[in-house]
Amino acid sequence: MSNRIIPYCTLLLVVLTSTVIAWAPFITKGQFSTIYKHFDGPLYIIPAKTAYNPAAFKQIDREPTLPHNPLYYSAHLPLYPFFIYLGSFVVGFLKSMLGVTVLSSVALAWFFYFMLKKLNLTKHPLLLTSLFLFLPRFLVVRSVGSPEPLFLLLIISSLFFFEKKNYLLAGLLGGLATMTKTPGILLFPAYFLALLEPFIIPHVSLGEKKQFNVQWFFLLLIPFGLLAVFGIYYIQYNDFFAYFHSGDNIHLLFPYAVFNSSATWVGTAWLEDILFYFAIYISTAVVLWKSKQRSFFYFTLVFLTATLCVQHRDISRYSLPLWPLTAIAFEHIYY
């Protein structure tokens, strides 16, 4: 039993230690407020405090630099703010924001390790999980207020249960992913393609009988998660499509739109690193084409296609859901 627990304790220590090290320069200089303010963290605290209620929004104190339009916050989906709200009863909103991120990172590390073991994806699951945690962009994102660790946890857990043919949990977790960030909806077309593949490419059915499975309907929980979000917005904003009216937050345009330097969210800063991200994730799709885990390949393909059309400088953050699958695809070169 102790041998089974040691890897999880090790990963807990890795996550907590690396987070504290990332915080250390700000702690020693008395500037921890920089951590609280970084990225979109405070933008999720507003809906955590107001539940998207415009009347409540007007009654809270806000930083002068935060957007004043209540509709803007509909771009920040409710699951992460919900957990912030729950934690606020114990430690307040700011500490809860970081606490949810760190706890989600720990759970993500644990589940990623568990998945590697259960699906026999590598001979060195602890080493691969540790490497997975240290993509530079991910190290920063999991050390500040952000929904990405929670989002990645829900994505990979949904993929895992899909591969285990537990379509109820795959759909439920996928729906929760969609309630965390809208790209979670991309699980649905990925699963559709994975289920369709044996019917159009017979050799991938691995001898299984090709027939309709009524449990596939559980996967409809994924788009239902997004409909539930829109339902909340209809109740609070009286606008079912509030997300699409939130402002300049929808960045899907056309392939390689990120190289339009005149765009609002791009600019003329160096873009060479984006070429690197595109190259590595395209390579991931190529490698996973032969993977037994068909949902891994199709999710990579669908998410990569969407990412190629994003017009935003921060491709490294937008593409983070592809990172765990990249770690798996190239696990053989790490050691």
C-alpha atoms as a PDB file:
ATOM      1  CA  MET A   1       0.000   0.000   0.000  1.00  0.00           C
ATOM      2  CA  SER A   2       2.781   2.452   0.917  1.00  0.00           C
ATOM      3  CA  ASN A   3       4.434   1.932  -2.481  1.00  0.00           C
ATOM      4  CA  ARG A   4       1.194   2.955  -4.154  1.00  0.00           C
ATOM      5  CA  ILE A   5       0.887   6.105  -2.072  1.00  0.00           C
ATOM      6  CA  ILE A   6       4.498   7.299  -2.475  1.00  0.00           C
ATOM      7  CA  PRO A   7       4.114   8.508  -6.109  1.00  0.00           C
ATOM      8  CA  TYR A   8       1.039  10.562  -5.174  1.00  0.00           C
ATOM      9  CA  CYS A   9       2.852  12.082  -2.187  1.00  0.00           C
ATOM     10  CA  THR A  10       5.795  12.841  -4.457  1.00  0.00           C
ATOM     11  CA  LEU A  11       3.569  14.609  -6.973  1.00  0.00           C
ATOM     12  CA  LEU A  12       1.904  16.586  -4.177  1.00  0.00           C
ATOM     13  CA  LEU A  13       5.341  17.728  -3.053  1.00  0.00           C
ATOM     14  CA  VAL A  14       6.392  18.583  -6.626  1.00  0.00           C
ATOM     15  CA  VAL A  15       3.304  20.736  -7.238  1.00  0.00           C
ATOM     16  CA  LEU A  16       3.442  22.560  -3.892  1.00  0.00           C
ATOM     17  CA  THR A  17       7.212  23.106  -3.941  1.00  0.00           C
ATOM     18  CA  SER A  18       7.297  24.405  -7.512  1.00  0.00           C
ATOM     19  CA  THR A  19       4.358  26.721  -6.787  1.00  0.00           C
ATOM     20  CA  VAL A  20       6.028  28.193  -3.704  1.00  0.00           C
ATOM     21  CA  ILE A  21       9.269  28.668  -5.674  1.00  0.00           C
ATOM     22  CA  ALA A  22       7.299  30.509  -8.383  1.00  0.00           C
ATOM     23  CA  TRP A  23       5.776  32.708  -5.684  1.00  0.00           C
ATOM     24  CA  ALA A  24       9.026  33.268  -3.763  1.00  0.00           C
ATOM     25  CA  PRO A  25      10.289  36.425  -5.565  1.00  0.00           C
ATOM     26  CA  PHE A  26       6.965  38.158  -4.897  1.00  0.00           C
ATOM     27  CA  ILE A  27       6.718  36.939  -1.304  1.00  0.00           C
ATOM     28  CA  THR A  28      10.235  38.125  -0.408  1.00  0.00           C
ATOM     29  CA  LYS A  29       9.586  41.564  -1.923  1.00  0.00           C
ATOM     30  CA  GLY A  30       6.187  41.947  -0.275  1.00  0.00           C
ATOM     31  CA  GLN A  31       4.496  42.019  -3.669  1.00  0.00           C
ATOM     32  CA  PHE A  32       2.208  39.000  -3.437  1.00  0.00           C
ATOM     33  CA  SER A  33      -0.635  41.150  -4.765  1.00  0.00           C
ATOM     34  CA  THR A  34       1.035  40.710  -8.167  1.00  0.00           C
ATOM     35  CA  ILE A  35       0.148  37.010  -7.980  1.00  0.00           C
ATOM     36  CA  TYR A  36      -3.451  37.829  -7.148  1.00  0.00           C
ATOM     37  CA  LYS A  37      -3.716  40.245 -10.086  1.00  0.00           C
ATOM     38  CA  HIS A  38      -1.982  38.105 -12.691  1.00  0.00           C
ATOM     39  CA  PHE A  39      -3.848  36.968 -15.832  1.00  0.00           C
ATOM     40  CA  ASP A  40      -7.611  36.554 -15.580  1.00  0.00           C
ATOM     41  CA  GLY A  41      -7.850  35.609 -11.917  1.00  0.00           C
ATOM     42  CA  PRO A  42      -9.687  38.723 -10.670  1.00  0.00           C
ATOM     43  CA  LEU A  43     -12.078  38.481 -13.623  1.00  0.00           C
ATOM     44  CA  TYR A  44     -13.302  35.159 -12.197  1.00  0.00           C
ATOM     45  CA  ILE A  45     -13.706  36.582  -8.697  1.00  0.00           C
ATOM     46  CA  ILE A  46     -16.341  39.040  -9.945  1.00  0.00           C
ATOM     47  CA  PRO A  47     -18.819  36.321 -11.031  1.00  0.00           C
ATOM     48  CA  ALA A  48     -17.876  34.325  -7.910  1.00  0.00           C
ATOM     49  CA  LYS A  49     -19.087  37.290  -5.841  1.00  0.00           C
ATOM     50  CA  THR A  50     -22.085  38.274  -7.985  1.00  0.00           C
ATOM     51  CA  ALA A  51     -23.264  35.038  -9.646  1.00  0.00           C
ATOM     52  CA  TYR A  52     -23.558  37.147 -12.834  1.00  0.00           C
ATOM     53  CA  ASN A  53     -26.291  39.260 -11.248  1.00  0.00           C
ATOM     54  CA  PRO A  54     -25.982  42.812 -12.695  1.00  0.00           C
ATOM     55  CA  ALA A  55     -27.631  44.296  -9.596  1.00  0.00           C
ATOM     56  CA  ALA A  56     -25.096  42.610  -7.307  1.00  0.00           C
ATOM     57  CA  PHE A  57     -22.321  43.671  -9.648  1.00  0.00           C
ATOM     58  CA  LYS A  58     -23.093  47.341  -9.029  1.00  0.00           C
ATOM     59  CA  GLN A  59     -22.793  46.887  -5.261  1.00  0.00           C
ATOM     60  CA  ILE A  60     -19.263  45.478  -5.040  1.00  0.00           C
ATOM     61  CA  ASP A  61     -15.977  47.367  -4.927  1.00  0.00           C
ATOM     62  CA  ARG A  62     -13.889  46.831  -8.050  1.00  0.00           C
ATOM     63  CA  GLU A  63     -10.417  47.657  -9.195  1.00  0.00           C
ATOM     64  CA  PRO A  64     -10.587  50.725 -11.462  1.00  0.00           C
ATOM     65  CA  THR A  65      -8.811  48.747 -14.196  1.00  0.00           C
ATOM     66  CA  LEU A  66     -11.424  45.962 -14.299  1.00  0.00           C
ATOM     67  CA  PRO A  67     -14.149  46.123 -16.974  1.00  0.00           C
ATOM     68  CA  HIS A  68     -17.323  47.861 -15.808  1.00  0.00           C
ATOM     69  CA  ASN A  69     -19.768  46.150 -18.150  1.00  0.00           C
ATOM     70  CA  PRO A  70     -21.476  43.240 -16.287  1.00  0.00           C
ATOM     71  CA  LEU A  71     -22.008  41.423 -19.588  1.00  0.00           C
ATOM     72  CA  TYR A  72     -18.230  41.179 -20.057  1.00  0.00           C
ATOM     73  CA  TYR A  73     -17.977  38.591 -17.286  1.00  0.00           C
ATOM     74  CA  SER A  74     -20.153  36.116 -19.166  1.00  0.00           C
ATOM     75  CA  ALA A  75     -16.951  35.259 -21.066  1.00  0.00           C
ATOM     76  CA  HIS A  76     -15.695  33.753 -17.792  1.00  0.00           C
ATOM     77  CA  LEU A  77     -17.674  30.551 -17.349  1.00  0.00           C
ATOM     78  CA  PRO A  78     -19.154  29.573 -13.967  1.00  0.00           C
ATOM     79  CA  LEU A  79     -17.528  26.363 -12.738  1.00  0.00           C
ATOM     80  CA  TYR A  80     -14.215  27.907 -11.630  1.00  0.00           C
ATOM     81  CA  PRO A  81     -16.001  30.881  -9.968  1.00  0.00           C
ATOM     82  CA  PHE A  82     -18.329  28.406  -8.240  1.00  0.00           C
ATOM     83  CA  PHE A  83     -15.399  26.662  -6.555  1.00  0.00           C
ATOM     84  CA  ILE A  84     -13.882  30.058  -5.679  1.00  0.00           C
ATOM     85  CA  TYR A  85     -17.183  30.959  -4.037  1.00  0.00           C
ATOM     86  CA  LEU A  86     -17.200  27.754  -1.988  1.00  0.00           C
ATOM     87  CA  GLY A  87     -13.640  28.330  -0.775  1.00  0.00           C
ATOM     88  CA  SER A  88     -14.329  31.971   0.056  1.00  0.00           C
ATOM     89  CA  PHE A  89     -16.273  30.946   3.168  1.00  0.00           C
ATOM     90  CA  VAL A  90     -13.026  29.590   4.606  1.00  0.00           C
ATOM     91  CA  VAL A  91     -10.194  31.813   3.290  1.00  0.00           C
ATOM     92  CA  GLY A  92     -11.809  34.672   1.366  1.00  0.00           C
ATOM     93  CA  PHE A  93     -12.057  35.158  -2.387  1.00  0.00           C
ATOM     94  CA  LEU A  94      -8.432  35.923  -3.289  1.00  0.00           C
ATOM     95  CA  LYS A  95      -6.924  33.028  -1.358  1.00  0.00           C
ATOM     96  CA  SER A  96      -9.720  30.763  -2.545  1.00  0.00           C
ATOM     97  CA  MET A  97      -8.906  31.686  -6.150  1.00  0.00           C
ATOM     98  CA  LEU A  98      -5.312  30.507  -5.723  1.00  0.00           C
ATOM     99  CA  GLY A  99      -6.363  27.567  -3.578  1.00  0.00           C
ATOM    100  CA  VAL A 100      -8.692  26.207  -6.256  1.00  0.00           C
ATOM    101  CA  THR A 101      -5.926  26.539  -8.846  1.00  0.00           C
ATOM    102  CA  VAL A 102      -3.347  24.738  -6.693  1.00  0.00           C
ATOM    103  CA  LEU A 103      -5.728  21.974  -5.577  1.00  0.00           C
ATOM    104  CA  SER A 104      -6.818  21.468  -9.191  1.00  0.00           C
ATOM    105  CA  SER A 105      -3.148  21.206 -10.172  1.00  0.00           C
ATOM    106  CA  VAL A 106      -2.570  18.522  -7.539  1.00  0.00           C
ATOM    107  CA  ALA A 107      -5.658  16.596  -8.664  1.00  0.00           C
ATOM    108  CA  LEU A 108      -4.545  16.960 -12.286  1.00  0.00           C
ATOM    109  CA  ALA A 109      -1.090  15.571 -11.505  1.00  0.00           C
ATOM    110  CA  TRP A 110      -2.618  12.659  -9.590  1.00  0.00           C
ATOM    111  CA  PHE A 111      -5.124  11.793 -12.301  1.00  0.00           C
ATOM    112  CA  PHE A 112      -2.590  12.125 -15.106  1.00  0.00           C
ATOM    113  CA  TYR A 113      -0.314   9.689 -13.259  1.00  0.00           C
ATOM    114  CA  PHE A 114      -3.265   7.354 -12.620  1.00  0.00           C
ATOM    115  CA  MET A 115      -4.254   7.443 -16.299  1.00  0.00           C
ATOM    116  CA  LEU A 116      -0.704   6.707 -17.463  1.00  0.00           C
ATOM    117  CA  LYS A 117      -0.657   3.656 -15.198  1.00  0.00           C
ATOM    118  CA  LYS A 118      -4.126   2.353 -16.018  1.00  0.00           C
ATOM    119  CA  LEU A 119      -3.753   2.722 -19.788  1.00  0.00           C
ATOM    120  CA  ASN A 120      -0.125   1.568 -19.724  1.00  0.00           C
ATOM    121  CA  LEU A 121       0.998   4.629 -21.675  1.00  0.00           C
ATOM    122  CA  THR A 122       4.572   4.734 -20.368  1.00  0.00           C
ATOM    123  CA  LYS A 123       7.036   2.714 -18.324  1.00  0.00           C
ATOM    124  CA  HIS A 124       7.889   5.794 -16.242  1.00  0.00           C
ATOM    125  CA  PRO A 125       4.580   7.427 -15.232  1.00  0.00           C
ATOM    126  CA  LEU A 126       6.006   9.391 -12.297  1.00  0.00           C
ATOM    127  CA  LEU A 127       8.790  10.920 -14.392  1.00  0.00           C
ATOM    128  CA  LEU A 128       6.449  11.738 -17.265  1.00  0.00           C
ATOM    129  CA  THR A 129       3.917  13.348 -14.925  1.00  0.00           C
ATOM    130  CA  SER A 130       6.650  15.470 -13.356  1.00  0.00           C
ATOM    131  CA  LEU A 131       7.819  16.622 -16.789  1.00  0.00           C
ATOM    132  CA  PHE A 132       4.243  17.369 -17.781  1.00  0.00           C
ATOM    133  CA  LEU A 133       3.940  19.785 -14.850  1.00  0.00           C
ATOM    134  CA  PHE A 134       6.887  21.896 -15.978  1.00  0.00           C
ATOM    135  CA  LEU A 135       6.000  23.215 -19.402  1.00  0.00           C
ATOM    136  CA  PRO A 136       7.072  26.824 -18.699  1.00  0.00           C
ATOM    137  CA  ARG A 137       3.708  28.313 -19.612  1.00  0.00           C
ATOM    138  CA  PHE A 138       1.838  25.742 -17.595  1.00  0.00           C
ATOM    139  CA  LEU A 139       4.062  26.309 -14.558  1.00  0.00           C
ATOM    140  CA  VAL A 140       3.046  29.973 -14.570  1.00  0.00           C
ATOM    141  CA  VAL A 141      -0.642  29.338 -15.277  1.00  0.00           C
ATOM    142  CA  ARG A 142      -0.965  26.805 -12.437  1.00  0.00           C
ATOM    143  CA  SER A 143       0.657  29.253  -9.999  1.00  0.00           C
ATOM    144  CA  VAL A 144      -1.860  32.089 -10.422  1.00  0.00           C
ATOM    145  CA  GLY A 145      -5.615  32.484 -10.579  1.00  0.00           C
ATOM    146  CA  SER A 146      -6.671  30.560 -13.671  1.00  0.00           C
ATOM    147  CA  PRO A 147      -9.218  27.875 -14.641  1.00  0.00           C
ATOM    148  CA  GLU A 148      -6.740  25.942 -16.803  1.00  0.00           C
ATOM    149  CA  PRO A 149      -5.682  23.280 -14.247  1.00  0.00           C
ATOM    150  CA  LEU A 150      -9.334  22.496 -13.512  1.00  0.00           C
ATOM    151  CA  PHE A 151     -10.101  22.505 -17.245  1.00  0.00           C
ATOM    152  CA  LEU A 152      -7.229  20.134 -18.065  1.00  0.00           C
ATOM    153  CA  LEU A 153      -8.259  17.831 -15.215  1.00  0.00           C
ATOM    154  CA  LEU A 154     -11.789  17.564 -16.592  1.00  0.00           C
ATOM    155  CA  ILE A 155     -10.559  17.118 -20.181  1.00  0.00           C
ATOM    156  CA  ILE A 156      -8.151  14.254 -19.485  1.00  0.00           C
ATOM    157  CA  SER A 157     -10.525  12.532 -17.060  1.00  0.00           C
ATOM    158  CA  SER A 158     -13.276  12.646 -19.698  1.00  0.00           C
ATOM    159  CA  LEU A 159     -10.874  11.219 -22.278  1.00  0.00           C
ATOM    160  CA  PHE A 160      -9.845   8.470 -19.872  1.00  0.00           C
ATOM    161  CA  PHE A 161     -13.402   7.345 -19.154  1.00  0.00           C
ATOM    162  CA  PHE A 162     -14.246   7.471 -22.845  1.00  0.00           C
ATOM    163  CA  GLU A 163     -11.375   5.075 -23.491  1.00  0.00           C
ATOM    164  CA  LYS A 164     -12.693   2.865 -20.690  1.00  0.00           C
ATOM    165  CA  LYS A 165     -16.112   2.958 -22.420  1.00  0.00           C
ATOM    166  CA  ASN A 166     -17.725   4.618 -19.406  1.00  0.00           C
ATOM    167  CA  TYR A 167     -19.707   7.066 -21.514  1.00  0.00           C
ATOM    168  CA  LEU A 168     -21.713   8.418 -18.584  1.00  0.00           C
ATOM    169  CA  LEU A 169     -18.626   9.711 -16.778  1.00  0.00           C
ATOM    170  CA  ALA A 170     -17.015  10.788 -20.054  1.00  0.00           C
ATOM    171  CA  GLY A 171     -20.102  12.866 -20.863  1.00  0.00           C
ATOM    172  CA  LEU A 172     -20.541  14.224 -17.342  1.00  0.00           C
ATOM    173  CA  LEU A 173     -16.902  15.298 -16.991  1.00  0.00           C
ATOM    174  CA  GLY A 174     -16.932  16.670 -20.538  1.00  0.00           C
ATOM    175  CA  GLY A 175     -20.006  18.715 -19.672  1.00  0.00           C
ATOM    176  CA  LEU A 176     -18.245  20.107 -16.605  1.00  0.00           C
ATOM    177  CA  ALA A 177     -15.220  20.929 -18.787  1.00  0.00           C
ATOM    178  CA  THR A 178     -17.532  22.874 -21.083  1.00  0.00           C
ATOM    179  CA  MET A 179     -18.855  24.767 -18.046  1.00  0.00           C
ATOM    180  CA  THR A 180     -15.257  25.707 -17.217  1.00  0.00           C
ATOM    181  CA  LYS A 181     -14.089  26.914 -20.641  1.00  0.00           C
ATOM    182  CA  THR A 182     -15.998  26.859 -23.919  1.00  0.00           C
ATOM    183  CA  PRO A 183     -13.335  24.835 -25.834  1.00  0.00           C
ATOM    184  CA  GLY A 184     -14.494  21.873 -23.750  1.00  0.00           C
ATOM    185  CA  ILE A 185     -17.264  21.500 -26.339  1.00  0.00           C
ATOM    186  CA  LEU A 186     -14.595  20.214 -28.733  1.00  0.00           C
ATOM    187  CA  LEU A 187     -14.677  16.899 -26.875  1.00  0.00           C
ATOM    188  CA  PHE A 188     -18.050  16.232 -28.485  1.00  0.00           C
ATOM    189  CA  PRO A 189     -16.957  16.238 -32.156  1.00  0.00           C
ATOM    190  CA  ALA A 190     -13.792  14.363 -31.150  1.00  0.00           C
ATOM    191  CA  TYR A 191     -15.841  11.590 -29.559  1.00  0.00           C
ATOM    192  CA  PHE A 192     -18.231  11.557 -32.514  1.00  0.00           C
ATOM    193  CA  LEU A 193     -15.326  10.985 -34.902  1.00  0.00           C
ATOM    194  CA  ALA A 194     -13.816   8.302 -32.654  1.00  0.00           C
ATOM    195  CA  LEU A 195     -17.135   6.431 -32.542  1.00  0.00           C
ATOM    196  CA  LEU A 196     -17.723   6.874 -36.267  1.00  0.00           C
ATOM    197  CA  GLU A 197     -14.270   5.681 -37.314  1.00  0.00           C
ATOM    198  CA  PRO A 198     -14.863   1.892 -37.069  1.00  0.00           C
ATOM    199  CA  PHE A 199     -17.901   2.239 -39.336  1.00  0.00           C
ATOM    200  CA  ILE A 200     -15.924   3.910 -42.119  1.00  0.00           C
ATOM    201  CA  ILE A 201     -12.465   2.394 -41.578  1.00  0.00           C
ATOM    202  CA  PRO A 202     -13.139  -1.270 -40.730  1.00  0.00           C
ATOM    203  CA  HIS A 203      -9.604  -2.250 -39.748  1.00  0.00           C
ATOM    204  CA  VAL A 204      -9.642   0.008 -36.662  1.00  0.00           C
ATOM    205  CA  SER A 205     -12.550  -1.838 -35.071  1.00  0.00           C
ATOM    206  CA  LEU A 206     -10.043  -4.382 -33.660  1.00  0.00           C
ATOM    207  CA  GLY A 207     -12.450  -7.235 -34.261  1.00  0.00           C
ATOM    208  CA  GLU A 208     -15.239  -5.662 -32.192  1.00  0.00           C
ATOM    209  CA  LYS A 209     -18.782  -5.859 -33.503  1.00  0.00           C
ATOM    210  CA  LYS A 210     -19.767  -2.521 -35.019  1.00  0.00           C
ATOM    211  CA  GLN A 211     -23.125  -1.573 -33.575  1.00  0.00           C
ATOM    212  CA  PHE A 212     -24.887   1.375 -32.058  1.00  0.00           C
ATOM    213  CA  ASN A 213     -24.533   1.707 -28.273  1.00  0.00           C
ATOM    214  CA  VAL A 214     -27.378   3.489 -26.510  1.00  0.00           C
ATOM    215  CA  GLN A 215     -24.917   4.676 -23.833  1.00  0.00           C
ATOM    216  CA  TRP A 216     -23.388   7.002 -26.414  1.00  0.00           C
ATOM    217  CA  PHE A 217     -26.299   9.319 -25.671  1.00  0.00           C
ATOM    218  CA  PHE A 218     -24.584  10.162 -22.371  1.00  0.00           C
ATOM    219  CA  LEU A 219     -22.062  12.123 -24.432  1.00  0.00           C
ATOM    220  CA  LEU A 220     -24.826  14.661 -25.096  1.00  0.00           C
ATOM    221  CA  LEU A 221     -24.055  15.891 -21.572  1.00  0.00           C
ATOM    222  CA  ILE A 222     -21.111  17.732 -23.156  1.00  0.00           C
ATOM    223  CA  PRO A 223     -23.161  20.207 -25.222  1.00  0.00           C
ATOM    224  CA  PHE A 224     -25.756  20.198 -22.442  1.00  0.00           C
ATOM    225  CA  GLY A 225     -23.074  21.684 -20.153  1.00  0.00           C
ATOM    226  CA  LEU A 226     -22.777  24.674 -22.466  1.00  0.00           C
ATOM    227  CA  LEU A 227     -26.561  24.982 -22.721  1.00  0.00           C
ATOM    228  CA  ALA A 228     -26.692  25.014 -18.918  1.00  0.00           C
ATOM    229  CA  VAL A 229     -24.247  27.933 -18.872  1.00  0.00           C
ATOM    230  CA  PHE A 230     -26.346  29.804 -21.415  1.00  0.00           C
ATOM    231  CA  GLY A 231     -29.411  29.038 -19.285  1.00  0.00           C
ATOM    232  CA  ILE A 232     -27.726  30.672 -16.273  1.00  0.00           C
ATOM    233  CA  TYR A 233     -26.966  33.706 -18.413  1.00  0.00           C
ATOM    234  CA  TYR A 234     -30.574  33.866 -19.576  1.00  0.00           C
ATOM    235  CA  ILE A 235     -31.755  33.916 -15.960  1.00  0.00           C
ATOM    236  CA  GLN A 236     -29.195  36.467 -14.775  1.00  0.00           C
ATOM    237  CA  TYR A 237     -28.687  38.665 -17.846  1.00  0.00           C
ATOM    238  CA  ASN A 238     -31.981  37.965 -19.636  1.00  0.00           C
ATOM    239  CA  ASP A 239     -29.755  37.101 -22.594  1.00  0.00           C
ATOM    240  CA  PHE A 240     -29.313  33.449 -23.589  1.00  0.00           C
ATOM    241  CA  PHE A 241     -26.450  34.419 -25.911  1.00  0.00           C
ATOM    242  CA  ALA A 242     -24.709  36.735 -23.423  1.00  0.00           C
ATOM    243  CA  TYR A 243     -21.408  34.937 -24.007  1.00  0.00           C
ATOM    244  CA  PHE A 244     -21.406  36.091 -27.622  1.00  0.00           C
ATOM    245  CA  HIS A 245     -22.272  39.645 -26.575  1.00  0.00           C
ATOM    246  CA  SER A 246     -19.527  39.921 -23.954  1.00  0.00           C
ATOM    247  CA  GLY A 247     -17.136  41.880 -26.154  1.00  0.00           C
ATOM    248  CA  ASP A 248     -13.976  41.044 -28.041  1.00  0.00           C
ATOM    249  CA  ASN A 249     -13.545  37.583 -26.514  1.00  0.00           C
ATOM    250  CA  ILE A 250     -14.186  35.246 -29.431  1.00  0.00           C
ATOM    251  CA  HIS A 251     -10.954  34.811 -31.360  1.00  0.00           C
ATOM    252  CA  LEU A 252     -11.714  31.977 -33.816  1.00  0.00           C
ATOM    253  CA  LEU A 253     -11.320  33.345 -37.339  1.00  0.00           C
ATOM    254  CA  PHE A 254      -9.292  31.562 -40.018  1.00  0.00           C
ATOM    255  CA  PRO A 255      -6.141  29.389 -40.189  1.00  0.00           C
ATOM    256  CA  TYR A 256      -2.983  31.118 -38.959  1.00  0.00           C
ATOM    257  CA  ALA A 257      -4.933  34.274 -38.056  1.00  0.00           C
ATOM    258  CA  VAL A 258      -2.485  34.786 -35.202  1.00  0.00           C
ATOM    259  CA  PHE A 259       0.092  36.080 -37.673  1.00  0.00           C
ATOM    260  CA  ASN A 260      -2.046  39.130 -38.457  1.00  0.00           C
ATOM    261  CA  SER A 261       0.048  41.631 -36.515  1.00  0.00           C
ATOM    262  CA  SER A 262      -2.564  44.380 -36.901  1.00  0.00           C
ATOM    263  CA  ALA A 263      -5.130  42.409 -34.881  1.00  0.00           C
ATOM    264  CA  THR A 264      -6.092  43.708 -31.425  1.00  0.00           C
ATOM    265  CA  TRP A 265      -4.874  40.696 -29.444  1.00  0.00           C
ATOM    266  CA  VAL A 266      -1.749  40.007 -31.500  1.00  0.00           C
ATOM    267  CA  GLY A 267       0.424  43.061 -32.071  1.00  0.00           C
ATOM    268  CA  THR A 268       3.917  43.203 -33.506  1.00  0.00           C
ATOM    269  CA  ALA A 269       5.739  41.349 -30.714  1.00  0.00           C
ATOM    270  CA  TRP A 270       7.843  38.304 -31.635  1.00  0.00           C
ATOM    271  CA  LEU A 271       5.733  35.396 -32.858  1.00  0.00           C
ATOM    272  CA  GLU A 272       8.472  32.819 -33.477  1.00  0.00           C
ATOM    273  CA  ASP A 273       7.471  30.747 -30.449  1.00  0.00           C
ATOM    274  CA  ILE A 274       4.004  30.260 -31.961  1.00  0.00           C
ATOM    275  CA  LEU A 275       5.607  28.444 -34.877  1.00  0.00           C
ATOM    276  CA  PHE A 276       7.160  26.106 -32.326  1.00  0.00           C
ATOM    277  CA  TYR A 277       3.814  25.393 -30.664  1.00  0.00           C
ATOM    278  CA  PHE A 278       2.099  24.772 -33.989  1.00  0.00           C
ATOM    279  CA  ALA A 279       4.905  22.461 -35.097  1.00  0.00           C
ATOM    280  CA  ILE A 280       4.935  20.371 -31.924  1.00  0.00           C
ATOM    281  CA  TYR A 281       1.154  19.996 -31.792  1.00  0.00           C
ATOM    282  CA  ILE A 282       0.911  19.098 -35.480  1.00  0.00           C
ATOM    283  CA  SER A 283       3.606  16.493 -34.779  1.00  0.00           C
ATOM    284  CA  THR A 284       1.537  15.253 -31.840  1.00  0.00           C
ATOM    285  CA  ALA A 285      -1.451  14.657 -34.115  1.00  0.00           C
ATOM    286  CA  VAL A 286       0.756  12.762 -36.563  1.00  0.00           C
ATOM    287  CA  VAL A 287       2.196  10.532 -33.825  1.00  0.00           C
ATOM    288  CA  LEU A 288      -1.195   9.875 -32.193  1.00  0.00           C
ATOM    289  CA  TRP A 289      -2.720   8.808 -35.515  1.00  0.00           C
ATOM    290  CA  LYS A 290      -1.414   5.300 -34.735  1.00  0.00           C
ATOM    291  CA  SER A 291      -2.433   5.402 -31.081  1.00  0.00           C
ATOM    292  CA  LYS A 292      -4.820   2.771 -29.723  1.00  0.00           C
ATOM    293  CA  GLN A 293      -6.521   5.574 -27.806  1.00  0.00           C
ATOM    294  CA  ARG A 294      -8.553   6.945 -30.719  1.00  0.00           C
ATOM    295  CA  SER A 295     -10.148   9.738 -28.689  1.00  0.00           C
ATOM    296  CA  PHE A 296      -6.644  11.064 -27.960  1.00  0.00           C
ATOM    297  CA  PHE A 297      -5.952  11.421 -31.675  1.00  0.00           C
ATOM    298  CA  TYR A 298      -9.308  12.910 -32.589  1.00  0.00           C
ATOM    299  CA  PHE A 299      -9.333  15.380 -29.706  1.00  0.00           C
ATOM    300  CA  THR A 300      -5.847  16.499 -30.722  1.00  0.00           C
ATOM    301  CA  LEU A 301      -6.978  16.850 -34.342  1.00  0.00           C
ATOM    302  CA  VAL A 302     -10.140  18.812 -33.515  1.00  0.00           C
ATOM    303  CA  PHE A 303      -8.523  21.026 -30.864  1.00  0.00           C
ATOM    304  CA  LEU A 304      -5.471  21.674 -33.051  1.00  0.00           C
ATOM    305  CA  THR A 305      -7.700  22.695 -35.964  1.00  0.00           C
ATOM    306  CA  ALA A 306      -9.460  25.206 -33.721  1.00  0.00           C
ATOM    307  CA  THR A 307      -6.173  26.456 -32.259  1.00  0.00           C
ATOM    308  CA  LEU A 308      -4.763  27.132 -35.725  1.00  0.00           C
ATOM    309  CA  CYS A 309      -7.674  29.542 -36.233  1.00  0.00           C
ATOM    310  CA  VAL A 310      -7.197  31.487 -32.982  1.00  0.00           C
ATOM    311  CA  GLN A 311      -6.244  35.127 -33.437  1.00  0.00           C
ATOM    312  CA  HIS A 312      -4.556  35.810 -30.100  1.00  0.00           C
ATOM    313  CA  ARG A 313      -0.929  36.203 -29.126  1.00  0.00           C
ATOM    314  CA  ASP A 314      -1.282  33.817 -26.178  1.00  0.00           C
ATOM    315  CA  ILE A 315      -1.384  30.598 -28.218  1.00  0.00           C
ATOM    316  CA  SER A 316       0.697  28.855 -25.552  1.00  0.00           C
ATOM    317  CA  ARG A 317      -2.196  29.207 -23.083  1.00  0.00           C
ATOM    318  CA  TYR A 318      -4.980  28.528 -25.569  1.00  0.00           C
ATOM    319  CA  SER A 319      -3.277  25.291 -26.628  1.00  0.00           C
ATOM    320  CA  LEU A 320      -2.617  23.951 -23.111  1.00  0.00           C
ATOM    321  CA  PRO A 321      -5.236  21.140 -23.392  1.00  0.00           C
ATOM    322  CA  LEU A 322      -2.996  19.611 -26.065  1.00  0.00           C
ATOM    323  CA  TRP A 323       0.023  19.554 -23.785  1.00  0.00           C
ATOM    324  CA  PRO A 324      -0.804  16.365 -21.776  1.00  0.00           C
ATOM    325  CA  LEU A 325      -1.406  14.488 -25.032  1.00  0.00           C
ATOM    326  CA  THR A 326       1.891  15.793 -26.409  1.00  0.00           C
ATOM    327  CA  ALA A 327       3.660  14.511 -23.295  1.00  0.00           C
ATOM    328  CA  ILE A 328       2.106  11.099 -23.935  1.00  0.00           C
ATOM    329  CA  ALA A 329       2.851  11.092 -27.677  1.00  0.00           C
ATOM    330  CA  PHE A 330       6.554  11.804 -27.190  1.00  0.00           C
ATOM    331  CA  GLU A 331       7.078   9.993 -23.888  1.00  0.00           C
ATOM    332  CA  HIS A 332       9.704   7.725 -25.461  1.00  0.00           C
ATOM    333  CA  ILE A 333      12.151  10.607 -26.039  1.00  0.00           C
ATOM    334  CA  TYR A 334      12.210  11.866 -22.447  1.00  0.00           C
ATOM    335  CA  TYR A 335      14.449   9.147 -21.049  1.00  0.00           C
END
